[in-house]
Structure formats: C-alpha cells, structure tokens
Protein backbone atom coordinates (compact mmCIF):
# COMPACT_ATOMS: atom_id res chain seq x y z
CA MET A 1 -25.11 -30.28 -32.20
CA SER A 2 -25.99 -33.07 -34.61
CA LYS A 3 -26.65 -36.51 -33.19
CA ILE A 4 -23.73 -38.95 -33.16
CA THR A 5 -24.68 -42.16 -34.98
CA ALA A 6 -22.93 -44.97 -36.79
CA GLN A 7 -24.33 -43.53 -40.01
CA SER A 8 -22.95 -40.03 -39.34
CA ILE A 9 -19.51 -41.49 -38.59
CA TRP A 10 -19.55 -43.61 -41.72
CA GLU A 11 -20.55 -40.62 -43.86
CA ASP A 12 -17.50 -38.72 -42.60
CA VAL A 13 -15.21 -41.69 -43.23
CA GLY A 14 -16.57 -41.80 -46.78
CA LYS A 15 -15.91 -38.08 -47.27
CA ILE A 16 -12.33 -38.46 -46.06
CA ARG A 17 -11.71 -41.36 -48.43
CA ASP A 18 -13.40 -39.59 -51.35
CA LYS A 19 -11.81 -36.16 -50.88
CA ALA A 20 -8.41 -37.08 -49.38
CA PRO A 21 -8.24 -33.71 -47.58
CA LEU A 22 -4.81 -32.21 -46.97
CA VAL A 23 -4.05 -32.08 -43.25
CA HIS A 24 -1.13 -29.78 -42.38
CA ASN A 25 0.75 -30.99 -39.32
CA ILE A 26 3.26 -29.07 -37.25
CA THR A 27 4.02 -31.96 -34.98
CA ASN A 28 6.82 -33.61 -33.06
CA TYR A 29 9.76 -35.68 -34.23
CA VAL A 30 8.64 -38.77 -32.33
CA VAL A 31 5.32 -39.20 -34.13
CA MET A 32 5.75 -37.69 -37.60
CA ASN A 33 5.93 -41.06 -39.36
CA THR A 34 3.21 -42.61 -37.19
CA THR A 35 0.68 -39.84 -37.66
CA ALA A 36 1.41 -39.48 -41.37
CA ASN A 37 0.74 -43.18 -41.88
CA ALA A 38 -2.44 -43.01 -39.80
CA LEU A 39 -3.76 -40.12 -41.88
CA LEU A 40 -2.95 -42.00 -45.07
CA SER A 41 -4.63 -45.12 -43.69
CA ILE A 42 -7.92 -43.35 -42.95
CA GLY A 43 -7.79 -41.74 -46.41
CA ALA A 44 -6.47 -38.21 -45.76
CA SER A 45 -3.37 -36.61 -47.23
CA PRO A 46 -0.76 -35.55 -44.64
CA VAL A 47 1.90 -32.87 -44.95
CA MET A 48 4.51 -32.21 -42.27
CA ALA A 49 5.80 -28.66 -42.72
CA HIS A 50 7.23 -26.50 -39.94
CA ALA A 51 9.60 -24.03 -41.57
CA GLU A 52 8.57 -20.47 -40.72
CA GLN A 53 9.16 -19.47 -44.33
CA GLU A 54 6.46 -21.76 -45.73
CA VAL A 55 3.84 -22.53 -43.08
CA GLU A 56 1.51 -19.73 -44.12
CA ASP A 57 1.58 -20.84 -47.75
CA MET A 58 1.08 -24.47 -46.75
CA VAL A 59 -1.89 -23.67 -44.54
CA GLN A 60 -3.64 -22.09 -47.51
CA LEU A 61 -3.54 -25.44 -49.29
CA ALA A 62 -4.86 -27.40 -46.31
CA SER A 63 -8.32 -28.32 -45.07
CA ALA A 64 -7.19 -28.59 -41.42
CA LEU A 65 -4.18 -27.58 -39.32
CA VAL A 66 -2.86 -29.83 -36.54
CA ILE A 67 -0.58 -28.22 -33.94
CA ASN A 68 1.34 -30.57 -31.64
CA ILE A 69 3.86 -29.16 -29.12
CA GLY A 70 5.60 -32.46 -28.33
CA THR A 71 9.15 -31.41 -29.26
CA LEU A 72 9.35 -27.68 -28.61
CA SER A 73 11.82 -25.14 -29.93
CA GLU A 74 11.58 -21.40 -30.37
CA HIS A 75 11.50 -21.44 -34.16
CA TRP A 76 8.77 -24.10 -34.15
CA ILE A 77 6.70 -22.02 -31.76
CA ARG A 78 7.00 -19.02 -34.08
CA ALA A 79 5.96 -21.24 -37.00
CA MET A 80 2.96 -22.48 -35.03
CA GLU A 81 1.87 -18.92 -34.27
CA ARG A 82 2.12 -17.91 -37.93
CA ALA A 83 0.30 -21.02 -39.13
CA MET A 84 -2.51 -20.61 -36.60
CA LYS A 85 -3.05 -16.97 -37.56
CA GLN A 86 -3.21 -17.90 -41.22
CA ALA A 87 -5.62 -20.75 -40.53
CA GLN A 88 -7.86 -18.41 -38.56
CA SER A 89 -7.90 -15.88 -41.39
CA LYS A 90 -8.83 -18.61 -43.90
CA ARG A 91 -11.40 -20.27 -41.58
CA ILE A 92 -9.42 -23.51 -41.56
CA PRO A 93 -10.05 -25.62 -38.42
CA ILE A 94 -7.18 -25.82 -35.95
CA ILE A 95 -6.69 -28.93 -33.83
CA PHE A 96 -4.34 -28.37 -30.89
CA ASP A 97 -2.48 -30.98 -28.83
CA PRO A 98 -0.79 -29.68 -25.64
CA VAL A 99 1.58 -32.64 -25.40
CA GLY A 100 3.22 -32.88 -21.99
CA ALA A 101 1.60 -29.74 -20.59
CA GLY A 102 2.16 -29.79 -16.85
CA ALA A 103 5.57 -31.43 -17.13
CA THR A 104 7.48 -28.12 -17.23
CA PRO A 105 6.46 -24.46 -16.85
CA TYR A 106 7.84 -23.68 -20.33
CA ARG A 107 5.70 -26.33 -21.98
CA THR A 108 2.57 -25.39 -20.06
CA GLU A 109 2.92 -21.68 -20.73
CA THR A 110 3.63 -22.28 -24.43
CA ALA A 111 0.38 -24.22 -24.77
CA ARG A 112 -1.56 -21.47 -22.99
CA LYS A 113 0.10 -18.73 -25.03
CA LEU A 114 -0.80 -20.36 -28.33
CA ILE A 115 -4.46 -21.02 -27.53
CA ARG A 116 -4.88 -17.57 -25.95
CA ALA A 117 -3.70 -16.00 -29.19
CA ILE A 118 -5.85 -18.14 -31.51
CA SER A 119 -8.67 -20.33 -30.20
CA PRO A 120 -8.53 -23.83 -31.72
CA ALA A 121 -11.60 -25.60 -33.03
CA ILE A 122 -10.56 -28.70 -31.06
CA ILE A 123 -8.18 -29.16 -28.13
CA ARG A 124 -7.26 -32.81 -27.57
CA GLY A 125 -5.10 -34.10 -24.74
CA ASN A 126 -4.97 -36.56 -21.91
CA ALA A 127 -6.50 -35.65 -18.55
CA SER A 128 -3.32 -34.23 -17.01
CA GLU A 129 -2.58 -32.10 -20.07
CA ILE A 130 -6.09 -30.66 -20.17
CA MET A 131 -5.98 -29.90 -16.45
CA ALA A 132 -2.56 -28.26 -16.73
CA VAL A 133 -3.62 -25.98 -19.59
CA ALA A 134 -6.81 -25.01 -17.77
CA ALA A 135 -5.22 -24.26 -14.37
CA ASP A 136 -2.07 -24.59 -12.30
CA GLY A 137 -1.47 -27.67 -10.19
CA ALA A 138 -1.86 -30.63 -12.57
CA GLN A 139 1.22 -32.72 -13.25
CA THR A 140 2.11 -35.13 -16.01
CA LYS A 141 4.54 -38.02 -16.13
CA GLY A 142 6.42 -37.06 -19.27
CA VAL A 143 3.64 -37.16 -21.83
CA ASP A 144 1.56 -39.70 -19.87
CA SER A 145 -1.44 -38.82 -17.76
CA LEU A 146 -1.50 -39.13 -13.99
CA HIS A 147 -5.25 -38.48 -13.91
CA THR A 148 -8.44 -40.08 -15.20
CA THR A 149 -10.61 -38.46 -17.85
CA ASP A 150 -13.35 -37.85 -15.27
CA ALA A 151 -10.91 -35.84 -13.13
CA ALA A 152 -10.40 -33.45 -16.04
CA PHE A 153 -14.07 -32.93 -16.84
CA GLU A 154 -14.43 -29.56 -15.10
CA ALA A 155 -11.14 -28.35 -16.59
CA ALA A 156 -12.41 -29.30 -20.06
CA GLN A 157 -15.65 -27.42 -19.47
CA HIS A 158 -13.64 -24.38 -18.39
CA LEU A 159 -11.48 -24.48 -21.54
CA ALA A 160 -14.54 -24.96 -23.75
CA LYS A 161 -16.22 -21.93 -22.22
CA GLN A 162 -13.10 -19.76 -22.21
CA TYR A 163 -12.00 -20.40 -25.78
CA GLY A 164 -15.14 -21.63 -27.51
CA SER A 165 -13.28 -24.83 -28.37
CA VAL A 166 -14.39 -28.42 -28.34
CA VAL A 167 -12.23 -30.21 -25.77
CA CYS A 168 -11.44 -33.89 -26.10
CA ILE A 169 -10.03 -35.70 -23.06
CA SER A 170 -8.56 -39.03 -24.15
CA GLY A 171 -7.91 -42.01 -21.92
CA ALA A 172 -9.38 -45.40 -21.06
CA GLU A 173 -12.64 -43.65 -21.88
CA ASP A 174 -12.74 -40.46 -23.93
CA ILE A 175 -14.88 -37.46 -23.04
CA ILE A 176 -15.67 -34.77 -25.63
CA VAL A 177 -17.00 -31.48 -24.28
CA ASP A 178 -18.29 -28.21 -25.71
CA ASN A 179 -20.17 -25.32 -24.10
CA ASN A 180 -23.45 -27.19 -23.92
CA HIS A 181 -22.86 -30.90 -24.41
CA PHE A 182 -20.61 -33.81 -23.64
CA VAL A 183 -20.33 -37.37 -24.83
CA ARG A 184 -18.40 -40.31 -23.41
CA VAL A 185 -16.72 -42.67 -25.88
CA LYS A 186 -16.05 -46.17 -24.55
CA ASN A 187 -14.34 -47.65 -27.58
CA GLY A 188 -10.68 -48.61 -27.49
CA HIS A 189 -8.29 -51.16 -25.98
CA PRO A 190 -5.62 -50.98 -23.24
CA LEU A 191 -2.92 -52.11 -25.70
CA MET A 192 -3.27 -48.77 -27.50
CA GLY A 193 -1.59 -47.14 -24.50
CA ARG A 194 1.52 -49.28 -25.07
CA VAL A 195 2.16 -47.80 -28.52
CA THR A 196 3.95 -44.46 -28.65
CA GLY A 197 2.11 -41.62 -30.30
CA MET A 198 -1.43 -42.97 -30.06
CA GLY A 199 -2.63 -39.74 -28.47
CA CYS A 200 -0.90 -37.68 -31.15
CA THR A 201 -2.47 -39.96 -33.73
CA ALA A 202 -5.89 -39.23 -32.25
CA THR A 203 -5.23 -35.51 -32.70
CA ALA A 204 -4.24 -36.02 -36.32
CA ILE A 205 -7.34 -38.12 -36.98
CA CYS A 206 -9.43 -35.34 -35.42
CA GLY A 207 -7.84 -33.13 -38.08
CA ALA A 208 -8.97 -35.47 -40.86
CA PHE A 209 -12.56 -35.47 -39.60
CA ALA A 210 -12.58 -31.71 -39.01
CA ALA A 211 -11.42 -31.27 -42.60
CA VAL A 212 -14.72 -32.77 -43.88
CA ASN A 213 -17.14 -31.88 -41.05
CA ALA A 214 -17.75 -28.25 -40.07
CA ASP A 215 -19.15 -29.27 -36.65
CA PRO A 216 -16.04 -29.66 -34.44
CA PHE A 217 -17.94 -31.54 -31.70
CA GLN A 218 -19.17 -34.09 -34.18
CA ALA A 219 -15.78 -34.27 -35.92
CA ALA A 220 -13.88 -34.92 -32.68
CA THR A 221 -16.39 -37.51 -31.50
CA HIS A 222 -16.40 -39.31 -34.84
CA ALA A 223 -12.60 -39.36 -34.81
CA MET A 224 -12.32 -40.82 -31.31
CA ILE A 225 -14.92 -43.51 -31.99
CA THR A 226 -13.18 -44.49 -35.22
CA MET A 227 -9.80 -44.57 -33.44
CA GLY A 228 -11.21 -46.73 -30.66
CA ILE A 229 -12.88 -49.17 -33.03
CA ALA A 230 -9.69 -49.52 -35.07
CA GLY A 231 -7.82 -50.19 -31.83
CA GLU A 232 -10.28 -52.91 -30.82
CA ILE A 233 -10.03 -54.62 -34.19
CA ALA A 234 -6.22 -54.45 -34.14
CA ALA A 235 -5.96 -55.77 -30.57
CA GLU A 236 -7.90 -58.91 -31.47
CA ILE A 237 -5.03 -60.12 -33.66
CA ALA A 238 -2.01 -58.27 -32.24
CA HIS A 239 0.63 -60.14 -30.23
CA GLY A 240 1.98 -57.04 -28.48
CA PRO A 241 2.75 -53.34 -29.03
CA GLY A 242 4.75 -53.90 -32.23
CA THR A 243 2.08 -55.77 -34.13
CA MET A 244 -0.57 -53.57 -32.52
CA GLN A 245 0.84 -50.57 -34.36
CA LEU A 246 0.88 -52.43 -37.68
CA TYR A 247 -2.62 -53.87 -37.33
CA PHE A 248 -3.98 -50.54 -36.13
CA LEU A 249 -3.00 -48.90 -39.43
CA ASP A 250 -4.59 -51.78 -41.33
CA ALA A 251 -7.76 -51.45 -39.25
CA LEU A 252 -8.00 -47.72 -39.96
CA HIS A 253 -7.62 -48.45 -43.66
CA GLN A 254 -10.22 -51.23 -43.67
CA VAL A 255 -12.81 -50.02 -41.15
CA ASN A 256 -16.28 -50.26 -42.64
CA GLN A 257 -19.86 -49.36 -41.83
CA SER A 258 -20.60 -52.74 -40.29
CA ASP A 259 -17.63 -52.41 -37.91
CA ILE A 260 -18.91 -49.05 -36.73
CA GLU A 261 -22.52 -50.21 -36.33
CA LYS A 262 -21.51 -53.30 -34.33
CA ARG A 263 -18.89 -51.66 -32.08
CA ILE A 264 -19.91 -48.05 -31.40
CA LYS A 265 -20.07 -47.43 -27.63
CA ILE A 266 -21.08 -43.94 -26.51
CA GLU A 267 -22.99 -42.30 -23.68
CA GLY A 268 -24.32 -38.77 -23.37
C-alpha cells in the first residue's frame, strides 16, 4: 500500500481533470443527476447506462464501473451482472454500493449475490449496509445507518478477506479497510448527511479515483478525503441542505492542492 499524503491525493485529482475518465454508472433513479454532476465537477465523464442490451459495450469504453442497487428491479440486476462480468474480463475496476442492504431480505441477498459472483475492487456503504452484507442481523433505516462506522469494522475486515475487496465504511468518520491495513478519515461535515445521495456520490467519486489509480485502497481513501474536504468547504458558506448541495459541487470543482494540504485529517 502506498502512503496516503496530500501530494498523492492532489496527483490523482490532477489525473482525473487531465484525463476525464469515463465512469459507467448503473445507479438509482434518486441520485442519477446528483452523481453525474459530482463526477463532472471533479473532472470525470459520467455515463448512466443500464439497458441489458448495451451495458457490456458501454463497459468496454469505461475506465471504472459503479454499481449501485438503490432502486432494484430484475432487469437492472441482470444488467448489473452482465456489466460486472464484462468489467472483470477487461480488468476494469468495479465499485459496489449495497444501498439499503439490511432493509429487506431481497435487497440484502441481491447485494450478496452480486459480489459473490464478481468481487468488486471497492465496496462502499454505511455501517449498517456493510454489516448486513457481511452477516445476518444488521438493520438499516431505509438507506440510513443505524450503526457507527466503528461497529462495522470487523464486518468490513471480513468482507475484505472474503472477497479481496477494499471496503469503505462511510459515516461521521470514514474507515477504509483492506486485508492488511486500515485508515480513518476524519474529514467531512454533519450537513452532508442532510443532502440526499451523498453516500452514493461518495461511491461515484471512488469510481473516478479508481479510474486513474490502480491501487483501490489508495483510490478509495483519496476519494473519501476529497469528498470530506469539499463538504467542509461547502458547509462554511451553505445556509442549509439546499445550498449545501450547490456549494458542494462548486467545492469539488474548485478544490486545490492548498485545500488538501491544510484540511487533510487521517489516522492509521
């Protein structure tokens, strides 16, 4: 694992802005516009394509594949399976978001089925979602977490070992785990939790970083730090959730090396 530094984060931001990598998203109706705008703001190029007839062709054009199970249907699940298989065959990183896992048996089992078939490079979810995917017993409140990130640490370690994935638990503090390491990210602001789709946005941003960085642990950590810093900058001028969303996109677009150097807060 390479060391996480302000310089390493800034280098990845520069690569995203220079290369504008295509990030293929099979995501939910609620967040399509939000995550597309976030990807554009950081410098990536988003595409939202979920038709079974084209996902394999679209994956071949992409530098990362983001799978988000927020609004499930059978034909979307089939499209996700086909896209993930194609991404695996082309060595394209897969970032998986088990939105709402633990809320219903169908949702939980779908998440498990997909990652059992094809191991993602990165699994990102809140504490309850990570715990639900790892083992029975965890519950979620809709798509919101009922647990802290620390409560999900062992579950994340289990998933990392079982699937060889980097697991990112997001919350008031974020924890990123792989087989041998973990890091705690303390950037962010409570107002981010009042804007719908911030977790899904984090997954999409992980996709942008994974598109330019072959180390999924570093990519996920860089993404979460950048997200948190953008949230802090936005919260300083936001008046509430509505303006928070607007200023967050501006902050992603404008974040610079000095912002990262001054604000980075990590342990581990």
